[in-house]
Amino acid sequence: VQLQASGGGSVQAGGSLRLSCAASGINFSIHTIDWYRQAPGKQRELVGSISSGGSANYADSAKGRFTISRDNARRRVYLQMNSLKAEDTAAYYCKVVRAGRTFWGQGTLVTVSS
């Protein structure tokens, strides 16, 4: 199983970024995919999840600003982030659980300057 997150970068507060998570080695369409983030000096936290059926749930910090979507044909999950704030600065990771094992992508760094 491999997950690869991409799309991070530097943006000013109020800007937008779209992250992508590409998956291989799994029956992608049946799995819930999670997005997490980890800011410097802080614990990793859940940003949101998208189920196999396409239903998304979000942490309070992401509600109304972030949107998670998936493209099963392309085996990708997306995290659209709008109205970015300095506190969104973090490394962002995607995660999947398969057969009781947890797999993480390598992370992509988002830096938001105020």
PDB file of N, CA and C in Angstrom:
ATOM      1  N   VAL A   1       0.854  -1.186   0.000  1.00  0.00           N
ATOM      2  CA  VAL A   1       0.000   0.000   0.000  1.00  0.00           C
ATOM      3  C   VAL A   1       0.893   1.240   0.000  1.00  0.00           C
ATOM      4  N   GLN A   2       0.598   2.142  -0.910  1.00  0.00           N
ATOM      5  CA  GLN A   2       1.337   3.408  -0.942  1.00  0.00           C
ATOM      6  C   GLN A   2       0.361   4.557  -1.072  1.00  0.00           C
ATOM      7  N   LEU A   3       0.606   5.585  -0.273  1.00  0.00           N
ATOM      8  CA  LEU A   3      -0.141   6.826  -0.358  1.00  0.00           C
ATOM      9  C   LEU A   3       0.851   7.950  -0.599  1.00  0.00           C
ATOM     10  N   GLN A   4       0.525   8.820  -1.501  1.00  0.00           N
ATOM     11  CA  GLN A   4       1.412   9.943  -1.781  1.00  0.00           C
ATOM     12  C   GLN A   4       0.610  11.224  -1.804  1.00  0.00           C
ATOM     13  N   ALA A   5       0.893  12.093  -0.843  1.00  0.00           N
ATOM     14  CA  ALA A   5       0.242  13.396  -0.774  1.00  0.00           C
ATOM     15  C   ALA A   5       1.079  14.420  -1.525  1.00  0.00           C
ATOM     16  N   SER A   6       0.400  15.330  -2.188  1.00  0.00           N
ATOM     17  CA  SER A   6       1.086  16.384  -2.929  1.00  0.00           C
ATOM     18  C   SER A   6       0.216  17.624  -2.961  1.00  0.00           C
ATOM     19  N   GLY A   7       0.791  18.714  -3.431  1.00  0.00           N
ATOM     20  CA  GLY A   7       0.034  19.942  -3.614  1.00  0.00           C
ATOM     21  C   GLY A   7       0.296  21.008  -2.570  1.00  0.00           C
ATOM     22  N   GLY A   8       1.130  20.708  -1.592  1.00  0.00           N
ATOM     23  CA  GLY A   8       1.441  21.705  -0.588  1.00  0.00           C
ATOM     24  C   GLY A   8       2.268  22.846  -1.158  1.00  0.00           C
ATOM     25  N   GLY A   9       2.397  23.884  -0.360  1.00  0.00           N
ATOM     26  CA  GLY A   9       3.179  25.026  -0.777  1.00  0.00           C
ATOM     27  C   GLY A   9       2.981  26.176   0.179  1.00  0.00           C
ATOM     28  N   SER A  10       3.433  27.328  -0.236  1.00  0.00           N
ATOM     29  CA  SER A  10       3.316  28.544   0.563  1.00  0.00           C
ATOM     30  C   SER A  10       2.231  29.432  -0.017  1.00  0.00           C
ATOM     31  N   VAL A  11       1.416  29.960   0.852  1.00  0.00           N
ATOM     32  CA  VAL A  11       0.304  30.808   0.416  1.00  0.00           C
ATOM     33  C   VAL A  11       0.053  31.860   1.481  1.00  0.00           C
ATOM     34  N   GLN A  12      -0.480  32.975   1.068  1.00  0.00           N
ATOM     35  CA  GLN A  12      -0.827  34.013   2.028  1.00  0.00           C
ATOM     36  C   GLN A  12      -2.171  33.705   2.679  1.00  0.00           C
ATOM     37  N   ALA A  13      -2.358  34.231   3.853  1.00  0.00           N
ATOM     38  CA  ALA A  13      -3.628  34.060   4.551  1.00  0.00           C
ATOM     39  C   ALA A  13      -4.775  34.520   3.660  1.00  0.00           C
ATOM     40  N   GLY A  14      -5.841  33.733   3.673  1.00  0.00           N
ATOM     41  CA  GLY A  14      -6.979  34.012   2.818  1.00  0.00           C
ATOM     42  C   GLY A  14      -6.933  33.278   1.493  1.00  0.00           C
ATOM     43  N   GLY A  15      -5.797  32.695   1.185  1.00  0.00           N
ATOM     44  CA  GLY A  15      -5.631  31.988  -0.076  1.00  0.00           C
ATOM     45  C   GLY A  15      -6.148  30.567  -0.027  1.00  0.00           C
ATOM     46  N   SER A  16      -5.908  29.851  -1.116  1.00  0.00           N
ATOM     47  CA  SER A  16      -6.417  28.484  -1.262  1.00  0.00           C
ATOM     48  C   SER A  16      -5.315  27.563  -1.758  1.00  0.00           C
ATOM     49  N   LEU A  17      -5.465  26.301  -1.414  1.00  0.00           N
ATOM     50  CA  LEU A  17      -4.615  25.247  -1.946  1.00  0.00           C
ATOM     51  C   LEU A  17      -5.470  23.994  -2.097  1.00  0.00           C
ATOM     52  N   ARG A  18      -5.085  23.148  -3.048  1.00  0.00           N
ATOM     53  CA  ARG A  18      -5.725  21.851  -3.158  1.00  0.00           C
ATOM     54  C   ARG A  18      -4.673  20.765  -3.031  1.00  0.00           C
ATOM     55  N   LEU A  19      -4.839  19.941  -2.039  1.00  0.00           N
ATOM     56  CA  LEU A  19      -3.955  18.808  -1.837  1.00  0.00           C
ATOM     57  C   LEU A  19      -4.548  17.573  -2.494  1.00  0.00           C
ATOM     58  N   SER A  20      -3.659  16.691  -2.899  1.00  0.00           N
ATOM     59  CA  SER A  20      -4.072  15.449  -3.536  1.00  0.00           C
ATOM     60  C   SER A  20      -3.400  14.280  -2.834  1.00  0.00           C
ATOM     61  N   CYS A  21      -4.119  13.189  -2.719  1.00  0.00           N
ATOM     62  CA  CYS A  21      -3.566  11.956  -2.150  1.00  0.00           C
ATOM     63  C   CYS A  21      -3.800  10.846  -3.163  1.00  0.00           C
ATOM     64  N   ALA A  22      -2.723  10.314  -3.686  1.00  0.00           N
ATOM     65  CA  ALA A  22      -2.806   9.219  -4.649  1.00  0.00           C
ATOM     66  C   ALA A  22      -2.531   7.903  -3.939  1.00  0.00           C
ATOM     67  N   ALA A  23      -3.368   6.900  -4.207  1.00  0.00           N
ATOM     68  CA  ALA A  23      -3.253   5.622  -3.516  1.00  0.00           C
ATOM     69  C   ALA A  23      -2.994   4.496  -4.496  1.00  0.00           C
ATOM     70  N   SER A  24      -2.206   3.551  -4.052  1.00  0.00           N
ATOM     71  CA  SER A  24      -1.981   2.342  -4.837  1.00  0.00           C
ATOM     72  C   SER A  24      -1.868   1.158  -3.882  1.00  0.00           C
ATOM     73  N   GLY A  25      -2.109  -0.019  -4.405  1.00  0.00           N
ATOM     74  CA  GLY A  25      -1.973  -1.217  -3.587  1.00  0.00           C
ATOM     75  C   GLY A  25      -3.190  -1.566  -2.762  1.00  0.00           C
ATOM     76  N   ILE A  26      -4.287  -0.851  -2.965  1.00  0.00           N
ATOM     77  CA  ILE A  26      -5.521  -1.146  -2.255  1.00  0.00           C
ATOM     78  C   ILE A  26      -6.691  -1.099  -3.227  1.00  0.00           C
ATOM     79  N   ASN A  27      -7.793  -1.718  -2.814  1.00  0.00           N
ATOM     80  CA  ASN A  27      -9.046  -1.581  -3.553  1.00  0.00           C
ATOM     81  C   ASN A  27      -9.618  -0.221  -3.154  1.00  0.00           C
ATOM     82  N   PHE A  28      -9.155   0.794  -3.827  1.00  0.00           N
ATOM     83  CA  PHE A  28      -9.317   2.176  -3.387  1.00  0.00           C
ATOM     84  C   PHE A  28     -10.766   2.536  -3.086  1.00  0.00           C
ATOM     85  N   SER A  29     -11.672   2.117  -3.936  1.00  0.00           N
ATOM     86  CA  SER A  29     -13.048   2.619  -3.863  1.00  0.00           C
ATOM     87  C   SER A  29     -13.782   2.184  -2.598  1.00  0.00           C
ATOM     88  N   ILE A  30     -13.288   1.181  -1.895  1.00  0.00           N
ATOM     89  CA  ILE A  30     -14.031   0.686  -0.734  1.00  0.00           C
ATOM     90  C   ILE A  30     -13.515   1.246   0.588  1.00  0.00           C
ATOM     91  N   HIS A  31     -12.481   2.062   0.515  1.00  0.00           N
ATOM     92  CA  HIS A  31     -11.842   2.524   1.745  1.00  0.00           C
ATOM     93  C   HIS A  31     -12.151   3.969   2.088  1.00  0.00           C
ATOM     94  N   THR A  32     -12.345   4.203   3.382  1.00  0.00           N
ATOM     95  CA  THR A  32     -12.363   5.564   3.893  1.00  0.00           C
ATOM     96  C   THR A  32     -10.935   6.095   3.902  1.00  0.00           C
ATOM     97  N   ILE A  33     -10.780   7.318   3.470  1.00  0.00           N
ATOM     98  CA  ILE A  33      -9.482   7.983   3.473  1.00  0.00           C
ATOM     99  C   ILE A  33      -9.558   9.177   4.419  1.00  0.00           C
ATOM    100  N   ASP A  34      -8.568   9.305   5.269  1.00  0.00           N
ATOM    101  CA  ASP A  34      -8.511  10.409   6.215  1.00  0.00           C
ATOM    102  C   ASP A  34      -7.404  11.393   5.827  1.00  0.00           C
ATOM    103  N   TRP A  35      -7.651  12.640   6.150  1.00  0.00           N
ATOM    104  CA  TRP A  35      -6.606  13.674   6.078  1.00  0.00           C
ATOM    105  C   TRP A  35      -6.271  14.098   7.502  1.00  0.00           C
ATOM    106  N   TYR A  36      -4.994  14.134   7.807  1.00  0.00           N
ATOM    107  CA  TYR A  36      -4.488  14.608   9.078  1.00  0.00           C
ATOM    108  C   TYR A  36      -3.508  15.741   8.822  1.00  0.00           C
ATOM    109  N   ARG A  37      -3.199  16.465   9.874  1.00  0.00           N
ATOM    110  CA  ARG A  37      -2.145  17.453   9.781  1.00  0.00           C
ATOM    111  C   ARG A  37      -1.376  17.495  11.096  1.00  0.00           C
ATOM    112  N   GLN A  38      -0.138  17.947  10.981  1.00  0.00           N
ATOM    113  CA  GLN A  38       0.705  18.086  12.156  1.00  0.00           C
ATOM    114  C   GLN A  38       1.490  19.378  12.059  1.00  0.00           C
ATOM    115  N   ALA A  39       1.162  20.285  12.961  1.00  0.00           N
ATOM    116  CA  ALA A  39       1.877  21.551  13.025  1.00  0.00           C
ATOM    117  C   ALA A  39       3.149  21.372  13.855  1.00  0.00           C
ATOM    118  N   PRO A  40       4.138  22.234  13.642  1.00  0.00           N
ATOM    119  CA  PRO A  40       5.385  22.122  14.406  1.00  0.00           C
ATOM    120  C   PRO A  40       5.126  22.144  15.906  1.00  0.00           C
ATOM    121  N   GLY A  41       5.668  21.151  16.599  1.00  0.00           N
ATOM    122  CA  GLY A  41       5.532  21.089  18.048  1.00  0.00           C
ATOM    123  C   GLY A  41       4.190  20.622  18.552  1.00  0.00           C
ATOM    124  N   LYS A  42       3.325  20.184  17.649  1.00  0.00           N
ATOM    125  CA  LYS A  42       1.982  19.753  18.061  1.00  0.00           C
ATOM    126  C   LYS A  42       1.735  18.319  17.629  1.00  0.00           C
ATOM    127  N   GLN A  43       0.693  17.730  18.214  1.00  0.00           N
ATOM    128  CA  GLN A  43       0.324  16.374  17.844  1.00  0.00           C
ATOM    129  C   GLN A  43      -0.411  16.368  16.506  1.00  0.00           C
ATOM    130  N   ARG A  44      -0.334  15.228  15.850  1.00  0.00           N
ATOM    131  CA  ARG A  44      -1.069  15.073  14.606  1.00  0.00           C
ATOM    132  C   ARG A  44      -2.568  15.070  14.922  1.00  0.00           C
ATOM    133  N   GLU A  45      -3.333  15.772  14.080  1.00  0.00           N
ATOM    134  CA  GLU A  45      -4.770  15.876  14.314  1.00  0.00           C
ATOM    135  C   GLU A  45      -5.542  15.584  13.044  1.00  0.00           C
ATOM    136  N   LEU A  46      -6.739  15.064  13.235  1.00  0.00           N
ATOM    137  CA  LEU A  46      -7.608  14.745  12.109  1.00  0.00           C
ATOM    138  C   LEU A  46      -8.185  16.026  11.514  1.00  0.00           C
ATOM    139  N   VAL A  47      -8.100  16.144  10.210  1.00  0.00           N
ATOM    140  CA  VAL A  47      -8.713  17.265   9.496  1.00  0.00           C
ATOM    141  C   VAL A  47     -10.099  16.855   9.014  1.00  0.00           C
ATOM    142  N   GLY A  48     -10.190  15.674   8.451  1.00  0.00           N
ATOM    143  CA  GLY A  48     -11.465  15.174   7.961  1.00  0.00           C
ATOM    144  C   GLY A  48     -11.294  13.840   7.281  1.00  0.00           C
ATOM    145  N   SER A  49     -12.432  13.248   6.916  1.00  0.00           N
ATOM    146  CA  SER A  49     -12.441  11.920   6.309  1.00  0.00           C
ATOM    147  C   SER A  49     -13.473  11.889   5.198  1.00  0.00           C
ATOM    148  N   ILE A  50     -13.255  10.967   4.259  1.00  0.00           N
ATOM    149  CA  ILE A  50     -14.257  10.729   3.236  1.00  0.00           C
ATOM    150  C   ILE A  50     -14.478   9.226   3.134  1.00  0.00           C
ATOM    151  N   SER A  51     -15.737   8.837   3.192  1.00  0.00           N
ATOM    152  CA  SER A  51     -16.083   7.420   3.163  1.00  0.00           C
ATOM    153  C   SER A  51     -16.044   6.883   1.739  1.00  0.00           C
ATOM    154  N   SER A  52     -16.194   5.571   1.633  1.00  0.00           N
ATOM    155  CA  SER A  52     -16.217   4.953   0.312  1.00  0.00           C
ATOM    156  C   SER A  52     -17.374   5.474  -0.523  1.00  0.00           C
ATOM    157  N   GLY A  53     -18.450   5.868   0.141  1.00  0.00           N
ATOM    158  CA  GLY A  53     -19.606   6.392  -0.571  1.00  0.00           C
ATOM    159  C   GLY A  53     -19.524   7.868  -0.879  1.00  0.00           C
ATOM    160  N   GLY A  54     -18.442   8.509  -0.436  1.00  0.00           N
ATOM    161  CA  GLY A  54     -18.247   9.915  -0.757  1.00  0.00           C
ATOM    162  C   GLY A  54     -18.748  10.883   0.304  1.00  0.00           C
ATOM    163  N   SER A  55     -19.179  10.373   1.453  1.00  0.00           N
ATOM    164  CA  SER A  55     -19.605  11.268   2.531  1.00  0.00           C
ATOM    165  C   SER A  55     -18.379  11.751   3.298  1.00  0.00           C
ATOM    166  N   ALA A  56     -18.333  13.044   3.520  1.00  0.00           N
ATOM    167  CA  ALA A  56     -17.178  13.639   4.182  1.00  0.00           C
ATOM    168  C   ALA A  56     -17.563  14.190   5.550  1.00  0.00           C
ATOM    169  N   ASN A  57     -16.629  14.074   6.480  1.00  0.00           N
ATOM    170  CA  ASN A  57     -16.775  14.659   7.795  1.00  0.00           C
ATOM    171  C   ASN A  57     -15.545  15.493   8.090  1.00  0.00           C
ATOM    172  N   TYR A  58     -15.731  16.526   8.883  1.00  0.00           N
ATOM    173  CA  TYR A  58     -14.647  17.480   9.114  1.00  0.00           C
ATOM    174  C   TYR A  58     -14.470  17.794  10.591  1.00  0.00           C
ATOM    175  N   ALA A  59     -13.230  18.094  10.945  1.00  0.00           N
ATOM    176  CA  ALA A  59     -12.964  18.666  12.246  1.00  0.00           C
ATOM    177  C   ALA A  59     -13.543  20.077  12.285  1.00  0.00           C
ATOM    178  N   ASP A  60     -13.834  20.550  13.486  1.00  0.00           N
ATOM    179  CA  ASP A  60     -14.421  21.882  13.604  1.00  0.00           C
ATOM    180  C   ASP A  60     -13.546  22.948  12.951  1.00  0.00           C
ATOM    181  N   SER A  61     -12.244  22.768  13.023  1.00  0.00           N
ATOM    182  CA  SER A  61     -11.322  23.756  12.466  1.00  0.00           C
ATOM    183  C   SER A  61     -11.396  23.826  10.941  1.00  0.00           C
ATOM    184  N   ALA A  62     -11.939  22.773  10.319  1.00  0.00           N
ATOM    185  CA  ALA A  62     -11.991  22.700   8.864  1.00  0.00           C
ATOM    186  C   ALA A  62     -13.376  22.987   8.294  1.00  0.00           C
ATOM    187  N   LYS A  63     -14.379  22.903   9.122  1.00  0.00           N
ATOM    188  CA  LYS A  63     -15.751  23.064   8.633  1.00  0.00           C
ATOM    189  C   LYS A  63     -15.954  24.430   7.999  1.00  0.00           C
ATOM    190  N   GLY A  64     -16.575  24.414   6.835  1.00  0.00           N
ATOM    191  CA  GLY A  64     -16.882  25.652   6.147  1.00  0.00           C
ATOM    192  C   GLY A  64     -15.745  26.209   5.299  1.00  0.00           C
ATOM    193  N   ARG A  65     -14.538  25.675   5.482  1.00  0.00           N
ATOM    194  CA  ARG A  65     -13.391  26.158   4.700  1.00  0.00           C
ATOM    195  C   ARG A  65     -12.757  25.069   3.845  1.00  0.00           C
ATOM    196  N   PHE A  66     -12.798  23.855   4.330  1.00  0.00           N
ATOM    197  CA  PHE A  66     -12.146  22.747   3.631  1.00  0.00           C
ATOM    198  C   PHE A  66     -13.207  21.811   3.053  1.00  0.00           C
ATOM    199  N   THR A  67     -12.879  21.219   1.909  1.00  0.00           N
ATOM    200  CA  THR A  67     -13.755  20.244   1.280  1.00  0.00           C
ATOM    201  C   THR A  67     -12.930  19.044   0.835  1.00  0.00           C
ATOM    202  N   ILE A  68     -13.392  17.862   1.233  1.00  0.00           N
ATOM    203  CA  ILE A  68     -12.736  16.628   0.822  1.00  0.00           C
ATOM    204  C   ILE A  68     -13.582  15.968  -0.255  1.00  0.00           C
ATOM    205  N   SER A  69     -12.932  15.515  -1.314  1.00  0.00           N
ATOM    206  CA  SER A  69     -13.620  14.815  -2.389  1.00  0.00           C
ATOM    207  C   SER A  69     -12.755  13.654  -2.853  1.00  0.00           C
ATOM    208  N   ARG A  70     -13.347  12.786  -3.638  1.00  0.00           N
ATOM    209  CA  ARG A  70     -12.572  11.646  -4.141  1.00  0.00           C
ATOM    210  C   ARG A  70     -12.930  11.356  -5.583  1.00  0.00           C
ATOM    211  N   ASP A  71     -11.958  10.810  -6.282  1.00  0.00           N
ATOM    212  CA  ASP A  71     -12.133  10.377  -7.666  1.00  0.00           C
ATOM    213  C   ASP A  71     -11.662   8.930  -7.714  1.00  0.00           C
ATOM    214  N   ASN A  72     -12.612   8.020  -7.626  1.00  0.00           N
ATOM    215  CA  ASN A  72     -12.231   6.605  -7.547  1.00  0.00           C
ATOM    216  C   ASN A  72     -11.559   6.123  -8.830  1.00  0.00           C
ATOM    217  N   ALA A  73     -11.957   6.675  -9.955  1.00  0.00           N
ATOM    218  CA  ALA A  73     -11.347   6.256 -11.217  1.00  0.00           C
ATOM    219  C   ALA A  73      -9.855   6.606 -11.241  1.00  0.00           C
ATOM    220  N   ARG A  74      -9.516   7.727 -10.633  1.00  0.00           N
ATOM    221  CA  ARG A  74      -8.117   8.152 -10.593  1.00  0.00           C
ATOM    222  C   ARG A  74      -7.423   7.739  -9.304  1.00  0.00           C
ATOM    223  N   ARG A  75      -8.163   7.082  -8.409  1.00  0.00           N
ATOM    224  CA  ARG A  75      -7.605   6.620  -7.137  1.00  0.00           C
ATOM    225  C   ARG A  75      -6.999   7.772  -6.348  1.00  0.00           C
ATOM    226  N   ARG A  76      -7.731   8.854  -6.294  1.00  0.00           N
ATOM    227  CA  ARG A  76      -7.234  10.040  -5.611  1.00  0.00           C
ATOM    228  C   ARG A  76      -8.289  10.619  -4.687  1.00  0.00           C
ATOM    229  N   VAL A  77      -7.813  11.191  -3.610  1.00  0.00           N
ATOM    230  CA  VAL A  77      -8.639  11.976  -2.714  1.00  0.00           C
ATOM    231  C   VAL A  77      -8.057  13.376  -2.671  1.00  0.00           C
ATOM    232  N   TYR A  78      -8.934  14.362  -2.605  1.00  0.00           N
ATOM    233  CA  TYR A  78      -8.514  15.760  -2.645  1.00  0.00           C
ATOM    234  C   TYR A  78      -8.938  16.471  -1.366  1.00  0.00           C
ATOM    235  N   LEU A  79      -8.131  17.435  -0.976  1.00  0.00           N
ATOM    236  CA  LEU A  79      -8.466  18.322   0.132  1.00  0.00           C
ATOM    237  C   LEU A  79      -8.363  19.746  -0.390  1.00  0.00           C
ATOM    238  N   GLN A  80      -9.514  20.329  -0.644  1.00  0.00           N
ATOM    239  CA  GLN A  80      -9.571  21.724  -1.080  1.00  0.00           C
ATOM    240  C   GLN A  80      -9.620  22.608   0.151  1.00  0.00           C
ATOM    241  N   MET A  81      -8.661  23.488   0.276  1.00  0.00           N
ATOM    242  CA  MET A  81      -8.568  24.348   1.452  1.00  0.00           C
ATOM    243  C   MET A  81      -8.705  25.802   1.021  1.00  0.00           C
ATOM    244  N   ASN A  82      -9.722  26.457   1.519  1.00  0.00           N
ATOM    245  CA  ASN A  82      -9.978  27.859   1.215  1.00  0.00           C
ATOM    246  C   ASN A  82      -9.876  28.700   2.480  1.00  0.00           C
ATOM    247  N   SER A  83      -9.768  29.985   2.293  1.00  0.00           N
ATOM    248  CA  SER A  83      -9.696  30.908   3.435  1.00  0.00           C
ATOM    249  C   SER A  83      -8.643  30.457   4.440  1.00  0.00           C
ATOM    250  N   LEU A  84      -7.485  30.141   3.940  1.00  0.00           N
ATOM    251  CA  LEU A  84      -6.433  29.599   4.796  1.00  0.00           C
ATOM    252  C   LEU A  84      -5.968  30.623   5.812  1.00  0.00           C
ATOM    253  N   LYS A  85      -5.625  30.097   6.987  1.00  0.00           N
ATOM    254  CA  LYS A  85      -5.172  30.918   8.097  1.00  0.00           C
ATOM    255  C   LYS A  85      -3.746  30.477   8.474  1.00  0.00           C
ATOM    256  N   ALA A  86      -3.068  31.340   9.192  1.00  0.00           N
ATOM    257  CA  ALA A  86      -1.712  31.010   9.626  1.00  0.00           C
ATOM    258  C   ALA A  86      -1.695  29.721  10.448  1.00  0.00           C
ATOM    259  N   GLU A  87      -2.741  29.491  11.215  1.00  0.00           N
ATOM    260  CA  GLU A  87      -2.800  28.296  12.052  1.00  0.00           C
ATOM    261  C   GLU A  87      -3.048  27.020  11.264  1.00  0.00           C
ATOM    262  N   ASP A  88      -3.285  27.129   9.958  1.00  0.00           N
ATOM    263  CA  ASP A  88      -3.382  25.943   9.115  1.00  0.00           C
ATOM    264  C   ASP A  88      -2.005  25.445   8.677  1.00  0.00           C
ATOM    265  N   THR A  89      -0.973  26.193   8.999  1.00  0.00           N
ATOM    266  CA  THR A  89       0.383  25.779   8.661  1.00  0.00           C
ATOM    267  C   THR A  89       0.710  24.447   9.320  1.00  0.00           C
ATOM    268  N   ALA A  90       1.066  23.469   8.499  1.00  0.00           N
ATOM    269  CA  ALA A  90       1.302  22.121   9.010  1.00  0.00           C
ATOM    270  C   ALA A  90       1.747  21.232   7.854  1.00  0.00           C
ATOM    271  N   ALA A  91       2.233  20.051   8.223  1.00  0.00           N
ATOM    272  CA  ALA A  91       2.397  18.991   7.244  1.00  0.00           C
ATOM    273  C   ALA A  91       1.084  18.219   7.198  1.00  0.00           C
ATOM    274  N   TYR A  92       0.599  17.967   5.996  1.00  0.00           N
ATOM    275  CA  TYR A  92      -0.681  17.294   5.809  1.00  0.00           C
ATOM    276  C   TYR A  92      -0.436  15.875   5.289  1.00  0.00           C
ATOM    277  N   TYR A  93      -1.140  14.929   5.899  1.00  0.00           N
ATOM    278  CA  TYR A  93      -0.968  13.521   5.587  1.00  0.00           C
ATOM    279  C   TYR A  93      -2.311  12.887   5.250  1.00  0.00           C
ATOM    280  N   CYS A  94      -2.278  11.936   4.344  1.00  0.00           N
ATOM    281  CA  CYS A  94      -3.449  11.098   4.143  1.00  0.00           C
ATOM    282  C   CYS A  94      -3.188   9.733   4.753  1.00  0.00           C
ATOM    283  N   LYS A  95      -4.269   9.084   5.133  1.00  0.00           N
ATOM    284  CA  LYS A  95      -4.169   7.824   5.846  1.00  0.00           C
ATOM    285  C   LYS A  95      -5.273   6.879   5.414  1.00  0.00           C
ATOM    286  N   VAL A  96      -4.950   5.599   5.376  1.00  0.00           N
ATOM    287  CA  VAL A  96      -5.947   4.575   5.108  1.00  0.00           C
ATOM    288  C   VAL A  96      -5.682   3.398   6.036  1.00  0.00           C
ATOM    289  N   VAL A  97      -6.752   2.748   6.436  1.00  0.00           N
ATOM    290  CA  VAL A  97      -6.636   1.527   7.234  1.00  0.00           C
ATOM    291  C   VAL A  97      -7.087   0.366   6.369  1.00  0.00           C
ATOM    292  N   ARG A  98      -6.242  -0.620   6.240  1.00  0.00           N
ATOM    293  CA  ARG A  98      -6.549  -1.777   5.411  1.00  0.00           C
ATOM    294  C   ARG A  98      -6.220  -3.040   6.203  1.00  0.00           C
ATOM    295  N   ALA A  99      -7.185  -3.896   6.329  1.00  0.00           N
ATOM    296  CA  ALA A  99      -6.992  -5.170   7.042  1.00  0.00           C
ATOM    297  C   ALA A  99      -6.362  -4.944   8.412  1.00  0.00           C
ATOM    298  N   GLY A 100      -6.817  -3.904   9.092  1.00  0.00           N
ATOM    299  CA  GLY A 100      -6.343  -3.645  10.440  1.00  0.00           C
ATOM    300  C   GLY A 100      -5.005  -2.940  10.529  1.00  0.00           C
ATOM    301  N   ARG A 101      -4.404  -2.634   9.420  1.00  0.00           N
ATOM    302  CA  ARG A 101      -3.123  -1.929   9.417  1.00  0.00           C
ATOM    303  C   ARG A 101      -3.331  -0.508   8.911  1.00  0.00           C
ATOM    304  N   THR A 102      -2.588   0.401   9.511  1.00  0.00           N
ATOM    305  CA  THR A 102      -2.681   1.804   9.152  1.00  0.00           C
ATOM    306  C   THR A 102      -1.520   2.187   8.256  1.00  0.00           C
ATOM    307  N   PHE A 103      -1.862   2.868   7.161  1.00  0.00           N
ATOM    308  CA  PHE A 103      -0.843   3.318   6.211  1.00  0.00           C
ATOM    309  C   PHE A 103      -0.940   4.828   6.068  1.00  0.00           C
ATOM    310  N   TRP A 104       0.226   5.472   6.118  1.00  0.00           N
ATOM    311  CA  TRP A 104       0.309   6.923   5.994  1.00  0.00           C
ATOM    312  C   TRP A 104       1.061   7.308   4.721  1.00  0.00           C
ATOM    313  N   GLY A 105       0.628   8.415   4.131  1.00  0.00           N
ATOM    314  CA  GLY A 105       1.421   9.021   3.080  1.00  0.00           C
ATOM    315  C   GLY A 105       2.575   9.784   3.703  1.00  0.00           C
ATOM    316  N   GLN A 106       3.451  10.306   2.873  1.00  0.00           N
ATOM    317  CA  GLN A 106       4.672  10.936   3.372  1.00  0.00           C
ATOM    318  C   GLN A 106       4.457  12.372   3.814  1.00  0.00           C
ATOM    319  N   GLY A 107       3.312  12.944   3.544  1.00  0.00           N
ATOM    320  CA  GLY A 107       3.043  14.306   3.969  1.00  0.00           C
ATOM    321  C   GLY A 107       3.440  15.352   2.949  1.00  0.00           C
ATOM    322  N   THR A 108       2.681  16.422   2.957  1.00  0.00           N
ATOM    323  CA  THR A 108       2.999  17.572   2.112  1.00  0.00           C
ATOM    324  C   THR A 108       2.848  18.820   2.967  1.00  0.00           C
ATOM    325  N   LEU A 109       3.802  19.727   2.854  1.00  0.00           N
ATOM    326  CA  LEU A 109       3.872  20.875   3.757  1.00  0.00           C
ATOM    327  C   LEU A 109       3.080  22.057   3.224  1.00  0.00           C
ATOM    328  N   VAL A 110       2.259  22.605   4.097  1.00  0.00           N
ATOM    329  CA  VAL A 110       1.491  23.816   3.801  1.00  0.00           C
ATOM    330  C   VAL A 110       1.956  24.916   4.747  1.00  0.00           C
ATOM    331  N   THR A 111       2.345  26.036   4.178  1.00  0.00           N
ATOM    332  CA  THR A 111       2.777  27.183   4.967  1.00  0.00           C
ATOM    333  C   THR A 111       1.898  28.368   4.605  1.00  0.00           C
ATOM    334  N   VAL A 112       1.236  28.917   5.607  1.00  0.00           N
ATOM    335  CA  VAL A 112       0.351  30.054   5.391  1.00  0.00           C
ATOM    336  C   VAL A 112       0.937  31.255   6.126  1.00  0.00           C
ATOM    337  N   SER A 113       1.225  32.288   5.380  1.00  0.00           N
ATOM    338  CA  SER A 113       1.808  33.484   5.977  1.00  0.00           C
ATOM    339  C   SER A 113       0.729  34.536   6.179  1.00  0.00           C
ATOM    340  N   SER A 114       0.833  35.220   7.294  1.00  0.00           N
ATOM    341  CA  SER A 114      -0.181  36.245   7.623  1.00  0.00           C
ATOM    342  C   SER A 114       0.299  37.628   7.226  1.00  0.00           C
TER     343      SER A 114
END
